[in-house]
Amino acid sequence: MGKMFGNFMQQLNYKITLHANHITFHFDQAFEQEDLKALCNKVIPASEHLNITETMLGADRLSCRFNFQQHAFQCHFEIYSQSCWIEAEYPLEEIIFERLAQFLNSLL
């Protein structure tokens, strides 16, 4: 049986780390398959700056495509490794990743 959904999401904290060509998330709690869609909405909340265009649910992962400042990104959540990362669909300058990381940090 999974965690109590609402309680889990309210208590979830995470840290964002910027790398040269991707962004990683480090969560303070383990997440399960049934948490993935809500986790995606928490990490990539719909706003005028972020637009989720597609969500793909797999056996042990969830990926979502979204746009930020007219650039296409993918956010991946993987159950077995308990990892989450964002990468660009096409090569981008590091400054774009910096802007995205700053925006996501402002939502914490």
C-alpha atoms as a PDB file:
ATOM      1  CA  MET A   1       0.000   0.000   0.000  1.00  0.00           C
ATOM      2  CA  GLY A   2       1.333   3.458  -0.886  1.00  0.00           C
ATOM      3  CA  LYS A   3       1.779   6.499   1.306  1.00  0.00           C
ATOM      4  CA  MET A   4      -1.037   8.838   2.198  1.00  0.00           C
ATOM      5  CA  PHE A   5      -0.889  10.970  -0.930  1.00  0.00           C
ATOM      6  CA  GLY A   6      -1.748  14.430   0.396  1.00  0.00           C
ATOM      7  CA  ASN A   7       0.398  14.064   3.496  1.00  0.00           C
ATOM      8  CA  PHE A   8       3.350  12.816   1.443  1.00  0.00           C
ATOM      9  CA  MET A   9       3.265  15.756  -0.959  1.00  0.00           C
ATOM     10  CA  GLN A  10       2.866  18.308   1.836  1.00  0.00           C
ATOM     11  CA  GLN A  11       5.889  16.945   3.686  1.00  0.00           C
ATOM     12  CA  LEU A  12       8.100  16.421   0.636  1.00  0.00           C
ATOM     13  CA  ASN A  13      11.178  18.622   0.463  1.00  0.00           C
ATOM     14  CA  TYR A  14      13.809  18.639  -2.237  1.00  0.00           C
ATOM     15  CA  LYS A  15      17.001  20.304  -3.351  1.00  0.00           C
ATOM     16  CA  ILE A  16      17.821  21.365  -6.915  1.00  0.00           C
ATOM     17  CA  THR A  17      21.347  20.984  -8.281  1.00  0.00           C
ATOM     18  CA  LEU A  18      22.455  22.666 -11.494  1.00  0.00           C
ATOM     19  CA  HIS A  19      24.917  20.854 -13.769  1.00  0.00           C
ATOM     20  CA  ALA A  20      26.355  22.019 -17.093  1.00  0.00           C
ATOM     21  CA  ASN A  21      23.699  20.307 -19.218  1.00  0.00           C
ATOM     22  CA  HIS A  22      21.018  19.087 -16.804  1.00  0.00           C
ATOM     23  CA  ILE A  23      19.335  19.719 -13.450  1.00  0.00           C
ATOM     24  CA  THR A  24      18.938  17.087 -10.730  1.00  0.00           C
ATOM     25  CA  PHE A  25      16.512  16.901  -7.822  1.00  0.00           C
ATOM     26  CA  HIS A  26      17.315  15.306  -4.462  1.00  0.00           C
ATOM     27  CA  PHE A  27      14.258  14.362  -2.387  1.00  0.00           C
ATOM     28  CA  ASP A  28      14.177  13.856   1.378  1.00  0.00           C
ATOM     29  CA  GLN A  29      11.685  10.968   1.040  1.00  0.00           C
ATOM     30  CA  ALA A  30      11.393   7.953  -1.213  1.00  0.00           C
ATOM     31  CA  PHE A  31       8.661   8.073  -3.839  1.00  0.00           C
ATOM     32  CA  GLU A  32       6.606   5.299  -5.369  1.00  0.00           C
ATOM     33  CA  GLN A  33       4.865   4.695  -8.690  1.00  0.00           C
ATOM     34  CA  GLU A  34       1.564   6.145  -7.485  1.00  0.00           C
ATOM     35  CA  ASP A  35       3.367   9.362  -6.446  1.00  0.00           C
ATOM     36  CA  LEU A  36       4.852  10.129  -9.872  1.00  0.00           C
ATOM     37  CA  LYS A  37       2.152  12.297 -11.462  1.00  0.00           C
ATOM     38  CA  ALA A  38       1.726  14.427  -8.346  1.00  0.00           C
ATOM     39  CA  LEU A  39       5.504  14.647  -7.989  1.00  0.00           C
ATOM     40  CA  CYS A  40       5.780  15.866 -11.562  1.00  0.00           C
ATOM     41  CA  ASN A  41       3.142  18.537 -10.895  1.00  0.00           C
ATOM     42  CA  LYS A  42       4.997  19.646  -7.761  1.00  0.00           C
ATOM     43  CA  VAL A  43       8.420  19.869  -9.446  1.00  0.00           C
ATOM     44  CA  ILE A  44       7.091  21.312 -12.728  1.00  0.00           C
ATOM     45  CA  PRO A  45       4.000  23.259 -11.668  1.00  0.00           C
ATOM     46  CA  ALA A  46       1.817  24.623 -14.424  1.00  0.00           C
ATOM     47  CA  SER A  47       2.285  28.361 -14.720  1.00  0.00           C
ATOM     48  CA  GLU A  48       2.657  31.079 -17.291  1.00  0.00           C
ATOM     49  CA  HIS A  49       6.389  30.184 -17.410  1.00  0.00           C
ATOM     50  CA  LEU A  50       6.119  26.385 -17.528  1.00  0.00           C
ATOM     51  CA  ASN A  51       3.880  24.481 -19.902  1.00  0.00           C
ATOM     52  CA  ILE A  52       3.736  20.672 -19.669  1.00  0.00           C
ATOM     53  CA  THR A  53       3.007  19.394 -23.166  1.00  0.00           C
ATOM     54  CA  GLU A  54       3.153  15.609 -22.693  1.00  0.00           C
ATOM     55  CA  THR A  55       3.365  13.038 -19.908  1.00  0.00           C
ATOM     56  CA  MET A  56       4.613   9.489 -20.534  1.00  0.00           C
ATOM     57  CA  LEU A  57       4.155   6.873 -17.803  1.00  0.00           C
ATOM     58  CA  GLY A  58       6.272   3.721 -17.975  1.00  0.00           C
ATOM     59  CA  ALA A  59       6.666   0.649 -15.798  1.00  0.00           C
ATOM     60  CA  ASP A  60       9.151   2.277 -13.414  1.00  0.00           C
ATOM     61  CA  ARG A  61       9.370   5.877 -14.572  1.00  0.00           C
ATOM     62  CA  LEU A  62       7.520   8.961 -15.650  1.00  0.00           C
ATOM     63  CA  SER A  63       8.752  11.491 -18.169  1.00  0.00           C
ATOM     64  CA  CYS A  64       7.140  14.784 -18.979  1.00  0.00           C
ATOM     65  CA  ARG A  65       7.916  17.245 -21.710  1.00  0.00           C
ATOM     66  CA  PHE A  66       7.569  20.918 -20.932  1.00  0.00           C
ATOM     67  CA  ASN A  67       8.523  24.316 -22.286  1.00  0.00           C
ATOM     68  CA  PHE A  68      10.352  27.093 -20.487  1.00  0.00           C
ATOM     69  CA  GLN A  69      11.245  30.357 -22.238  1.00  0.00           C
ATOM     70  CA  GLN A  70      10.444  28.749 -25.603  1.00  0.00           C
ATOM     71  CA  HIS A  71      12.880  25.860 -25.026  1.00  0.00           C
ATOM     72  CA  ALA A  72      11.809  22.201 -24.845  1.00  0.00           C
ATOM     73  CA  PHE A  73      12.832  20.096 -21.830  1.00  0.00           C
ATOM     74  CA  GLN A  74      12.123  16.658 -20.423  1.00  0.00           C
ATOM     75  CA  CYS A  75      11.805  15.843 -16.748  1.00  0.00           C
ATOM     76  CA  HIS A  76      12.366  12.204 -15.771  1.00  0.00           C
ATOM     77  CA  PHE A  77      11.415  10.415 -12.549  1.00  0.00           C
ATOM     78  CA  GLU A  78      12.776   6.921 -12.007  1.00  0.00           C
ATOM     79  CA  ILE A  79      11.532   4.648  -9.220  1.00  0.00           C
ATOM     80  CA  TYR A  80      14.389   2.142  -8.878  1.00  0.00           C
ATOM     81  CA  SER A  81      17.164   4.723  -8.630  1.00  0.00           C
ATOM     82  CA  GLN A  82      14.897   7.256  -6.849  1.00  0.00           C
ATOM     83  CA  SER A  83      16.207   9.873  -9.239  1.00  0.00           C
ATOM     84  CA  CYS A  84      14.782  12.886 -10.990  1.00  0.00           C
ATOM     85  CA  TRP A  85      16.470  15.048 -13.593  1.00  0.00           C
ATOM     86  CA  ILE A  86      15.712  17.592 -16.273  1.00  0.00           C
ATOM     87  CA  GLU A  87      17.463  17.681 -19.615  1.00  0.00           C
ATOM     88  CA  ALA A  88      16.948  19.717 -22.749  1.00  0.00           C
ATOM     89  CA  GLU A  89      15.522  18.071 -25.834  1.00  0.00           C
ATOM     90  CA  TYR A  90      18.135  19.902 -27.904  1.00  0.00           C
ATOM     91  CA  PRO A  91      21.567  21.268 -26.940  1.00  0.00           C
ATOM     92  CA  LEU A  92      21.237  24.561 -25.066  1.00  0.00           C
ATOM     93  CA  GLU A  93      23.569  27.111 -23.590  1.00  0.00           C
ATOM     94  CA  GLU A  94      24.250  26.701 -19.875  1.00  0.00           C
ATOM     95  CA  ILE A  95      22.606  30.063 -19.146  1.00  0.00           C
ATOM     96  CA  ILE A  96      19.195  28.601 -20.074  1.00  0.00           C
ATOM     97  CA  PHE A  97      19.659  25.838 -17.481  1.00  0.00           C
ATOM     98  CA  GLU A  98      20.691  28.499 -14.954  1.00  0.00           C
ATOM     99  CA  ARG A  99      17.489  30.466 -15.613  1.00  0.00           C
ATOM    100  CA  LEU A 100      15.353  27.348 -15.289  1.00  0.00           C
ATOM    101  CA  ALA A 101      17.087  26.304 -12.050  1.00  0.00           C
ATOM    102  CA  GLN A 102      16.644  29.806 -10.614  1.00  0.00           C
ATOM    103  CA  PHE A 103      12.956  29.789 -11.532  1.00  0.00           C
ATOM    104  CA  LEU A 104      12.390  26.337 -10.016  1.00  0.00           C
ATOM    105  CA  ASN A 105      14.282  27.352  -6.850  1.00  0.00           C
ATOM    106  CA  SER A 106      12.022  30.400  -6.528  1.00  0.00           C
ATOM    107  CA  LEU A 107       9.052  28.013  -6.249  1.00  0.00           C
ATOM    108  CA  LEU A 108      10.447  26.145  -3.238  1.00  0.00           C
END
